[in-house]
Amino acid sequence: MRTTLTIDDDLAGILRSRSRELGKPFKEVVNQLLRAGITANGQAPEARTPVMVRSKPLGLRTGFDPDKLNQLVDELAAEDYLQTATKDDPAGR
């Protein structure tokens, strides 16, 4: 699943360093640490049942690039965040 997550700068730096140290992608390190945190109460994670995904045509009209849809979602989320951040800023920056 793809999602946007805002991480504090200091934590992002720690995660990037850990990623370099382990030679693993940033995403993989974040997922491993989240799983470890969730299971920190001593319980093993539940077994996952495999899921079969069957593809279907999207039916997009000519000119739509499905590879750019996630980019559009990211841009809209960034705009929304900036609007919210400027509302909270008393100086109006």
PDB file of N, CA and C in Angstrom:
ATOM      1  N   MET A   1       0.848  -1.172   0.000  1.00  0.00           N
ATOM      2  CA  MET A   1       0.000   0.000   0.000  1.00  0.00           C
ATOM      3  C   MET A   1       0.895   1.236   0.000  1.00  0.00           C
ATOM      4  N   ARG A   2       0.543   2.180  -0.780  1.00  0.00           N
ATOM      5  CA  ARG A   2       1.304   3.416  -0.838  1.00  0.00           C
ATOM      6  C   ARG A   2       0.558   4.460  -0.024  1.00  0.00           C
ATOM      7  N   THR A   3       1.294   5.174   0.834  1.00  0.00           N
ATOM      8  CA  THR A   3       0.700   6.227   1.654  1.00  0.00           C
ATOM      9  C   THR A   3       1.732   7.307   1.902  1.00  0.00           C
ATOM     10  N   THR A   4       1.261   8.476   2.248  1.00  0.00           N
ATOM     11  CA  THR A   4       2.164   9.568   2.576  1.00  0.00           C
ATOM     12  C   THR A   4       2.260   9.650   4.088  1.00  0.00           C
ATOM     13  N   LEU A   5       3.471   9.721   4.588  1.00  0.00           N
ATOM     14  CA  LEU A   5       3.720   9.746   6.020  1.00  0.00           C
ATOM     15  C   LEU A   5       4.692  10.880   6.305  1.00  0.00           C
ATOM     16  N   THR A   6       4.332  11.756   7.236  1.00  0.00           N
ATOM     17  CA  THR A   6       5.217  12.850   7.619  1.00  0.00           C
ATOM     18  C   THR A   6       6.034  12.394   8.820  1.00  0.00           C
ATOM     19  N   ILE A   7       7.349  12.363   8.651  1.00  0.00           N
ATOM     20  CA  ILE A   7       8.270  11.899   9.693  1.00  0.00           C
ATOM     21  C   ILE A   7       9.108  13.087  10.147  1.00  0.00           C
ATOM     22  N   ASP A   8       9.285  13.221  11.460  1.00  0.00           N
ATOM     23  CA  ASP A   8      10.123  14.293  11.994  1.00  0.00           C
ATOM     24  C   ASP A   8      11.522  14.189  11.393  1.00  0.00           C
ATOM     25  N   ASP A   9      12.161  15.356  11.192  1.00  0.00           N
ATOM     26  CA  ASP A   9      13.475  15.402  10.546  1.00  0.00           C
ATOM     27  C   ASP A   9      14.517  14.562  11.263  1.00  0.00           C
ATOM     28  N   ASP A  10      14.533  14.626  12.605  1.00  0.00           N
ATOM     29  CA  ASP A  10      15.543  13.867  13.339  1.00  0.00           C
ATOM     30  C   ASP A  10      15.336  12.365  13.166  1.00  0.00           C
ATOM     31  N   LEU A  11      14.083  11.930  13.162  1.00  0.00           N
ATOM     32  CA  LEU A  11      13.781  10.514  12.974  1.00  0.00           C
ATOM     33  C   LEU A  11      14.107  10.069  11.547  1.00  0.00           C
ATOM     34  N   ALA A  12      13.814  10.914  10.577  1.00  0.00           N
ATOM     35  CA  ALA A  12      14.126  10.591   9.182  1.00  0.00           C
ATOM     36  C   ALA A  12      15.635  10.415   9.009  1.00  0.00           C
ATOM     37  N   GLY A  13      16.422  11.254   9.677  1.00  0.00           N
ATOM     38  CA  GLY A  13      17.876  11.131   9.595  1.00  0.00           C
ATOM     39  C   GLY A  13      18.362   9.813  10.180  1.00  0.00           C
ATOM     40  N   ILE A  14      17.773   9.420  11.310  1.00  0.00           N
ATOM     41  CA  ILE A  14      18.134   8.141  11.926  1.00  0.00           C
ATOM     42  C   ILE A  14      17.780   6.988  10.999  1.00  0.00           C
ATOM     43  N   LEU A  15      16.602   7.059  10.392  1.00  0.00           N
ATOM     44  CA  LEU A  15      16.165   5.997   9.479  1.00  0.00           C
ATOM     45  C   LEU A  15      17.067   5.919   8.247  1.00  0.00           C
ATOM     46  N   ARG A  16      17.464   7.078   7.698  1.00  0.00           N
ATOM     47  CA  ARG A  16      18.364   7.084   6.533  1.00  0.00           C
ATOM     48  C   ARG A  16      19.714   6.471   6.897  1.00  0.00           C
ATOM     49  N   SER A  17      20.224   6.840   8.087  1.00  0.00           N
ATOM     50  CA  SER A  17      21.504   6.276   8.535  1.00  0.00           C
ATOM     51  C   SER A  17      21.404   4.765   8.692  1.00  0.00           C
ATOM     52  N   ARG A  18      20.331   4.308   9.312  1.00  0.00           N
ATOM     53  CA  ARG A  18      20.122   2.869   9.509  1.00  0.00           C
ATOM     54  C   ARG A  18      20.027   2.173   8.165  1.00  0.00           C
ATOM     55  N   SER A  19      19.365   2.804   7.208  1.00  0.00           N
ATOM     56  CA  SER A  19      19.224   2.244   5.859  1.00  0.00           C
ATOM     57  C   SER A  19      20.593   2.064   5.208  1.00  0.00           C
ATOM     58  N   ARG A  20      21.442   3.074   5.324  1.00  0.00           N
ATOM     59  CA  ARG A  20      22.798   2.991   4.751  1.00  0.00           C
ATOM     60  C   ARG A  20      23.626   1.917   5.464  1.00  0.00           C
ATOM     61  N   GLU A  21      23.534   1.889   6.805  1.00  0.00           N
ATOM     62  CA  GLU A  21      24.303   0.911   7.577  1.00  0.00           C
ATOM     63  C   GLU A  21      23.957  -0.519   7.195  1.00  0.00           C
ATOM     64  N   LEU A  22      22.666  -0.774   7.018  1.00  0.00           N
ATOM     65  CA  LEU A  22      22.198  -2.123   6.718  1.00  0.00           C
ATOM     66  C   LEU A  22      22.269  -2.448   5.232  1.00  0.00           C
ATOM     67  N   GLY A  23      22.451  -1.408   4.403  1.00  0.00           N
ATOM     68  CA  GLY A  23      22.466  -1.623   2.956  1.00  0.00           C
ATOM     69  C   GLY A  23      21.104  -2.041   2.429  1.00  0.00           C
ATOM     70  N   LYS A  24      20.049  -1.555   3.097  1.00  0.00           N
ATOM     71  CA  LYS A  24      18.679  -1.896   2.697  1.00  0.00           C
ATOM     72  C   LYS A  24      17.941  -0.629   2.305  1.00  0.00           C
ATOM     73  N   PRO A  25      16.905  -0.765   1.468  1.00  0.00           N
ATOM     74  CA  PRO A  25      16.126   0.416   1.086  1.00  0.00           C
ATOM     75  C   PRO A  25      15.434   1.046   2.302  1.00  0.00           C
ATOM     76  N   PHE A  26      15.264   2.348   2.245  1.00  0.00           N
ATOM     77  CA  PHE A  26      14.623   3.119   3.308  1.00  0.00           C
ATOM     78  C   PHE A  26      13.267   2.506   3.671  1.00  0.00           C
ATOM     79  N   LYS A  27      12.465   2.224   2.655  1.00  0.00           N
ATOM     80  CA  LYS A  27      11.122   1.671   2.859  1.00  0.00           C
ATOM     81  C   LYS A  27      11.173   0.360   3.654  1.00  0.00           C
ATOM     82  N   GLU A  28      12.130  -0.489   3.327  1.00  0.00           N
ATOM     83  CA  GLU A  28      12.244  -1.778   4.008  1.00  0.00           C
ATOM     84  C   GLU A  28      12.600  -1.589   5.489  1.00  0.00           C
ATOM     85  N   VAL A  29      13.510  -0.646   5.764  1.00  0.00           N
ATOM     86  CA  VAL A  29      13.910  -0.372   7.147  1.00  0.00           C
ATOM     87  C   VAL A  29      12.718   0.161   7.947  1.00  0.00           C
ATOM     88  N   VAL A  30      11.967   1.085   7.360  1.00  0.00           N
ATOM     89  CA  VAL A  30      10.790   1.638   8.043  1.00  0.00           C
ATOM     90  C   VAL A  30       9.781   0.528   8.341  1.00  0.00           C
ATOM     91  N   ASN A  31       9.507  -0.330   7.364  1.00  0.00           N
ATOM     92  CA  ASN A  31       8.551  -1.418   7.573  1.00  0.00           C
ATOM     93  C   ASN A  31       9.027  -2.382   8.668  1.00  0.00           C
ATOM     94  N   GLN A  32      10.310  -2.728   8.667  1.00  0.00           N
ATOM     95  CA  GLN A  32      10.838  -3.637   9.694  1.00  0.00           C
ATOM     96  C   GLN A  32      10.687  -3.036  11.086  1.00  0.00           C
ATOM     97  N   LEU A  33      11.017  -1.758  11.214  1.00  0.00           N
ATOM     98  CA  LEU A  33      10.937  -1.123  12.527  1.00  0.00           C
ATOM     99  C   LEU A  33       9.491  -0.953  12.992  1.00  0.00           C
ATOM    100  N   LEU A  34       8.588  -0.667  12.070  1.00  0.00           N
ATOM    101  CA  LEU A  34       7.175  -0.582  12.444  1.00  0.00           C
ATOM    102  C   LEU A  34       6.666  -1.940  12.931  1.00  0.00           C
ATOM    103  N   ARG A  35       7.037  -3.011  12.209  1.00  0.00           N
ATOM    104  CA  ARG A  35       6.618  -4.351  12.637  1.00  0.00           C
ATOM    105  C   ARG A  35       7.183  -4.694  14.011  1.00  0.00           C
ATOM    106  N   ALA A  36       8.453  -4.349  14.224  1.00  0.00           N
ATOM    107  CA  ALA A  36       9.079  -4.630  15.520  1.00  0.00           C
ATOM    108  C   ALA A  36       8.371  -3.861  16.631  1.00  0.00           C
ATOM    109  N   GLY A  37       7.993  -2.626  16.364  1.00  0.00           N
ATOM    110  CA  GLY A  37       7.299  -1.823  17.367  1.00  0.00           C
ATOM    111  C   GLY A  37       5.919  -2.363  17.676  1.00  0.00           C
ATOM    112  N   ILE A  38       5.227  -2.803  16.643  1.00  0.00           N
ATOM    113  CA  ILE A  38       3.878  -3.335  16.837  1.00  0.00           C
ATOM    114  C   ILE A  38       3.918  -4.635  17.623  1.00  0.00           C
ATOM    115  N   THR A  39       4.932  -5.452  17.385  1.00  0.00           N
ATOM    116  CA  THR A  39       5.016  -6.751  18.062  1.00  0.00           C
ATOM    117  C   THR A  39       5.861  -6.677  19.335  1.00  0.00           C
ATOM    118  N   ALA A  40       6.212  -5.485  19.783  1.00  0.00           N
ATOM    119  CA  ALA A  40       7.060  -5.322  20.964  1.00  0.00           C
ATOM    120  C   ALA A  40       6.409  -5.856  22.233  1.00  0.00           C
ATOM    121  N   ASN A  41       5.104  -6.065  22.202  1.00  0.00           N
ATOM    122  CA  ASN A  41       4.425  -6.559  23.398  1.00  0.00           C
ATOM    123  C   ASN A  41       4.662  -8.052  23.606  1.00  0.00           C
ATOM    124  N   GLY A  42       5.518  -8.659  22.786  1.00  0.00           N
ATOM    125  CA  GLY A  42       5.894 -10.055  22.983  1.00  0.00           C
ATOM    126  C   GLY A  42       5.071 -11.059  22.193  1.00  0.00           C
ATOM    127  N   GLN A  43       4.061 -10.605  21.511  1.00  0.00           N
ATOM    128  CA  GLN A  43       3.240 -11.522  20.726  1.00  0.00           C
ATOM    129  C   GLN A  43       3.779 -11.611  19.309  1.00  0.00           C
ATOM    130  N   ALA A  44       3.776 -12.809  18.790  1.00  0.00           N
ATOM    131  CA  ALA A  44       4.205 -13.007  17.403  1.00  0.00           C
ATOM    132  C   ALA A  44       3.130 -12.453  16.468  1.00  0.00           C
ATOM    133  N   PRO A  45       3.535 -11.903  15.337  1.00  0.00           N
ATOM    134  CA  PRO A  45       2.531 -11.415  14.389  1.00  0.00           C
ATOM    135  C   PRO A  45       1.701 -12.575  13.846  1.00  0.00           C
ATOM    136  N   GLU A  46       0.458 -12.278  13.534  1.00  0.00           N
ATOM    137  CA  GLU A  46      -0.422 -13.307  12.990  1.00  0.00           C
ATOM    138  C   GLU A  46       0.062 -13.726  11.609  1.00  0.00           C
ATOM    139  N   ALA A  47      -0.150 -15.001  11.301  1.00  0.00           N
ATOM    140  CA  ALA A  47       0.219 -15.499   9.972  1.00  0.00           C
ATOM    141  C   ALA A  47      -0.663 -14.807   8.937  1.00  0.00           C
ATOM    142  N   ARG A  48      -0.058 -14.464   7.847  1.00  0.00           N
ATOM    143  CA  ARG A  48      -0.798 -13.775   6.790  1.00  0.00           C
ATOM    144  C   ARG A  48      -1.262 -14.771   5.750  1.00  0.00           C
ATOM    145  N   THR A  49      -2.491 -14.609   5.324  1.00  0.00           N
ATOM    146  CA  THR A  49      -3.042 -15.443   4.277  1.00  0.00           C
ATOM    147  C   THR A  49      -2.691 -14.816   2.937  1.00  0.00           C
ATOM    148  N   PRO A  50      -2.121 -15.598   2.010  1.00  0.00           N
ATOM    149  CA  PRO A  50      -1.798 -15.042   0.701  1.00  0.00           C
ATOM    150  C   PRO A  50      -3.051 -14.537  -0.016  1.00  0.00           C
ATOM    151  N   VAL A  51      -2.889 -13.488  -0.766  1.00  0.00           N
ATOM    152  CA  VAL A  51      -4.006 -12.888  -1.491  1.00  0.00           C
ATOM    153  C   VAL A  51      -3.711 -12.962  -2.982  1.00  0.00           C
ATOM    154  N   MET A  52      -4.683 -13.411  -3.748  1.00  0.00           N
ATOM    155  CA  MET A  52      -4.545 -13.450  -5.199  1.00  0.00           C
ATOM    156  C   MET A  52      -5.174 -12.178  -5.773  1.00  0.00           C
ATOM    157  N   VAL A  53      -4.388 -11.442  -6.534  1.00  0.00           N
ATOM    158  CA  VAL A  53      -4.875 -10.209  -7.142  1.00  0.00           C
ATOM    159  C   VAL A  53      -4.952 -10.421  -8.644  1.00  0.00           C
ATOM    160  N   ARG A  54      -6.112 -10.190  -9.170  1.00  0.00           N
ATOM    161  CA  ARG A  54      -6.301 -10.320 -10.628  1.00  0.00           C
ATOM    162  C   ARG A  54      -6.411  -8.921 -11.223  1.00  0.00           C
ATOM    163  N   SER A  55      -5.653  -8.686 -12.246  1.00  0.00           N
ATOM    164  CA  SER A  55      -5.673  -7.362 -12.868  1.00  0.00           C
ATOM    165  C   SER A  55      -6.848  -7.240 -13.829  1.00  0.00           C
ATOM    166  N   LYS A  56      -7.296  -6.014 -13.979  1.00  0.00           N
ATOM    167  CA  LYS A  56      -8.363  -5.696 -14.924  1.00  0.00           C
ATOM    168  C   LYS A  56      -7.976  -4.398 -15.622  1.00  0.00           C
ATOM    169  N   PRO A  57      -8.428  -4.216 -16.846  1.00  0.00           N
ATOM    170  CA  PRO A  57      -8.107  -2.960 -17.529  1.00  0.00           C
ATOM    171  C   PRO A  57      -8.746  -1.773 -16.796  1.00  0.00           C
ATOM    172  N   LEU A  58      -8.007  -0.664 -16.718  1.00  0.00           N
ATOM    173  CA  LEU A  58      -8.516   0.518 -16.028  1.00  0.00           C
ATOM    174  C   LEU A  58      -9.577   1.255 -16.834  1.00  0.00           C
ATOM    175  N   GLY A  59      -9.548   1.113 -18.120  1.00  0.00           N
ATOM    176  CA  GLY A  59     -10.523   1.809 -18.959  1.00  0.00           C
ATOM    177  C   GLY A  59     -10.263   3.307 -19.040  1.00  0.00           C
ATOM    178  N   LEU A  60      -8.997   3.714 -18.920  1.00  0.00           N
ATOM    179  CA  LEU A  60      -8.665   5.134 -18.993  1.00  0.00           C
ATOM    180  C   LEU A  60      -8.751   5.623 -20.431  1.00  0.00           C
ATOM    181  N   ARG A  61      -9.169   6.858 -20.551  1.00  0.00           N
ATOM    182  CA  ARG A  61      -9.229   7.458 -21.882  1.00  0.00           C
ATOM    183  C   ARG A  61      -7.821   7.735 -22.393  1.00  0.00           C
ATOM    184  N   THR A  62      -7.693   7.845 -23.688  1.00  0.00           N
ATOM    185  CA  THR A  62      -6.413   8.146 -24.320  1.00  0.00           C
ATOM    186  C   THR A  62      -5.864   9.448 -23.757  1.00  0.00           C
ATOM    187  N   GLY A  63      -4.588   9.455 -23.440  1.00  0.00           N
ATOM    188  CA  GLY A  63      -3.951  10.655 -22.909  1.00  0.00           C
ATOM    189  C   GLY A  63      -3.708  10.581 -21.406  1.00  0.00           C
ATOM    190  N   PHE A  64      -4.396   9.686 -20.698  1.00  0.00           N
ATOM    191  CA  PHE A  64      -4.172   9.518 -19.260  1.00  0.00           C
ATOM    192  C   PHE A  64      -3.017   8.552 -19.055  1.00  0.00           C
ATOM    193  N   ASP A  65      -2.062   8.961 -18.269  1.00  0.00           N
ATOM    194  CA  ASP A  65      -0.901   8.122 -17.974  1.00  0.00           C
ATOM    195  C   ASP A  65      -1.067   7.538 -16.574  1.00  0.00           C
ATOM    196  N   PRO A  66      -1.397   6.240 -16.467  1.00  0.00           N
ATOM    197  CA  PRO A  66      -1.637   5.664 -15.144  1.00  0.00           C
ATOM    198  C   PRO A  66      -0.406   5.711 -14.239  1.00  0.00           C
ATOM    199  N   ASP A  67       0.780   5.822 -14.831  1.00  0.00           N
ATOM    200  CA  ASP A  67       2.002   5.895 -14.026  1.00  0.00           C
ATOM    201  C   ASP A  67       2.135   7.237 -13.315  1.00  0.00           C
ATOM    202  N   LYS A  68       1.373   8.231 -13.727  1.00  0.00           N
ATOM    203  CA  LYS A  68       1.456   9.566 -13.132  1.00  0.00           C
ATOM    204  C   LYS A  68       0.385   9.796 -12.058  1.00  0.00           C
ATOM    205  N   LEU A  69      -0.539   8.840 -11.851  1.00  0.00           N
ATOM    206  CA  LEU A  69      -1.622   9.045 -10.891  1.00  0.00           C
ATOM    207  C   LEU A  69      -1.097   9.178  -9.468  1.00  0.00           C
ATOM    208  N   ASN A  70      -0.123   8.367  -9.071  1.00  0.00           N
ATOM    209  CA  ASN A  70       0.439   8.486  -7.731  1.00  0.00           C
ATOM    210  C   ASN A  70       1.160   9.813  -7.552  1.00  0.00           C
ATOM    211  N   GLN A  71       1.790  10.294  -8.603  1.00  0.00           N
ATOM    212  CA  GLN A  71       2.465  11.591  -8.540  1.00  0.00           C
ATOM    213  C   GLN A  71       1.428  12.687  -8.289  1.00  0.00           C
ATOM    214  N   LEU A  72       0.280  12.596  -8.951  1.00  0.00           N
ATOM    215  CA  LEU A  72      -0.783  13.576  -8.761  1.00  0.00           C
ATOM    216  C   LEU A  72      -1.287  13.541  -7.322  1.00  0.00           C
ATOM    217  N   VAL A  73      -1.485  12.354  -6.779  1.00  0.00           N
ATOM    218  CA  VAL A  73      -1.936  12.221  -5.392  1.00  0.00           C
ATOM    219  C   VAL A  73      -0.919  12.855  -4.445  1.00  0.00           C
ATOM    220  N   ASP A  74       0.363  12.602  -4.673  1.00  0.00           N
ATOM    221  CA  ASP A  74       1.411  13.188  -3.834  1.00  0.00           C
ATOM    222  C   ASP A  74       1.406  14.712  -3.910  1.00  0.00           C
ATOM    223  N   GLU A  75       1.240  15.252  -5.117  1.00  0.00           N
ATOM    224  CA  GLU A  75       1.218  16.703  -5.289  1.00  0.00           C
ATOM    225  C   GLU A  75       0.025  17.320  -4.571  1.00  0.00           C
ATOM    226  N   LEU A  76      -1.143  16.674  -4.674  1.00  0.00           N
ATOM    227  CA  LEU A  76      -2.331  17.187  -3.997  1.00  0.00           C
ATOM    228  C   LEU A  76      -2.164  17.123  -2.478  1.00  0.00           C
ATOM    229  N   ALA A  77      -1.555  16.055  -1.972  1.00  0.00           N
ATOM    230  CA  ALA A  77      -1.318  15.933  -0.530  1.00  0.00           C
ATOM    231  C   ALA A  77      -0.350  17.013  -0.056  1.00  0.00           C
ATOM    232  N   ALA A  78       0.679  17.307  -0.845  1.00  0.00           N
ATOM    233  CA  ALA A  78       1.647  18.339  -0.481  1.00  0.00           C
ATOM    234  C   ALA A  78       0.975  19.712  -0.455  1.00  0.00           C
ATOM    235  N   GLU A  79       0.126  19.995  -1.437  1.00  0.00           N
ATOM    236  CA  GLU A  79      -0.599  21.265  -1.467  1.00  0.00           C
ATOM    237  C   GLU A  79      -1.492  21.394  -0.242  1.00  0.00           C
ATOM    238  N   ASP A  80      -2.194  20.329   0.091  1.00  0.00           N
ATOM    239  CA  ASP A  80      -3.078  20.336   1.252  1.00  0.00           C
ATOM    240  C   ASP A  80      -2.284  20.589   2.525  1.00  0.00           C
ATOM    241  N   TYR A  81      -1.128  19.940   2.655  1.00  0.00           N
ATOM    242  CA  TYR A  81      -0.281  20.118   3.834  1.00  0.00           C
ATOM    243  C   TYR A  81       0.187  21.568   3.923  1.00  0.00           C
ATOM    244  N   LEU A  82       0.614  22.140   2.806  1.00  0.00           N
ATOM    245  CA  LEU A  82       1.104  23.518   2.814  1.00  0.00           C
ATOM    246  C   LEU A  82      -0.013  24.490   3.184  1.00  0.00           C
ATOM    247  N   GLN A  83      -1.217  24.258   2.693  1.00  0.00           N
ATOM    248  CA  GLN A  83      -2.344  25.127   3.035  1.00  0.00           C
ATOM    249  C   GLN A  83      -2.643  25.041   4.523  1.00  0.00           C
ATOM    250  N   THR A  84      -2.617  23.836   5.065  1.00  0.00           N
ATOM    251  CA  THR A  84      -2.864  23.650   6.492  1.00  0.00           C
ATOM    252  C   THR A  84      -1.757  24.297   7.308  1.00  0.00           C
ATOM    253  N   ALA A  85      -0.522  24.159   6.890  1.00  0.00           N
ATOM    254  CA  ALA A  85       0.609  24.716   7.624  1.00  0.00           C
ATOM    255  C   ALA A  85       0.560  26.240   7.630  1.00  0.00           C
ATOM    256  N   THR A  86       0.157  26.861   6.533  1.00  0.00           N
ATOM    257  CA  THR A  86       0.101  28.333   6.482  1.00  0.00           C
ATOM    258  C   THR A  86      -1.064  28.858   7.291  1.00  0.00           C
ATOM    259  N   LYS A  87      -2.147  28.079   7.432  1.00  0.00           N
ATOM    260  CA  LYS A  87      -3.261  28.511   8.289  1.00  0.00           C
ATOM    261  C   LYS A  87      -2.837  28.541   9.745  1.00  0.00           C
ATOM    262  N   ASP A  88      -1.968  27.592  10.128  1.00  0.00           N
ATOM    263  CA  ASP A  88      -1.513  27.498  11.513  1.00  0.00           C
ATOM    264  C   ASP A  88      -0.401  28.493  11.845  1.00  0.00           C
ATOM    265  N   ASP A  89       0.208  29.095  10.823  1.00  0.00           N
ATOM    266  CA  ASP A  89       1.323  30.015  11.019  1.00  0.00           C
ATOM    267  C   ASP A  89       0.758  31.426  11.251  1.00  0.00           C
ATOM    268  N   PRO A  90       0.921  32.001  12.448  1.00  0.00           N
ATOM    269  CA  PRO A  90       0.349  33.330  12.713  1.00  0.00           C
ATOM    270  C   PRO A  90       0.957  34.429  11.840  1.00  0.00           C
ATOM    271  N   ALA A  91       2.175  34.227  11.350  1.00  0.00           N
ATOM    272  CA  ALA A  91       2.821  35.240  10.501  1.00  0.00           C
ATOM    273  C   ALA A  91       2.304  35.167   9.072  1.00  0.00           C
ATOM    274  N   GLY A  92       1.544  34.101   8.755  1.00  0.00           N
ATOM    275  CA  GLY A  92       0.983  33.966   7.419  1.00  0.00           C
ATOM    276  C   GLY A  92       1.975  33.519   6.388  1.00  0.00           C
ATOM    277  N   ARG A  93       3.062  32.869   6.801  1.00  0.00           N
ATOM    278  CA  ARG A  93       4.087  32.414   5.857  1.00  0.00           C
ATOM    279  C   ARG A  93       3.682  31.161   5.183  1.00  0.00           C
TER     280      ARG A  93
END
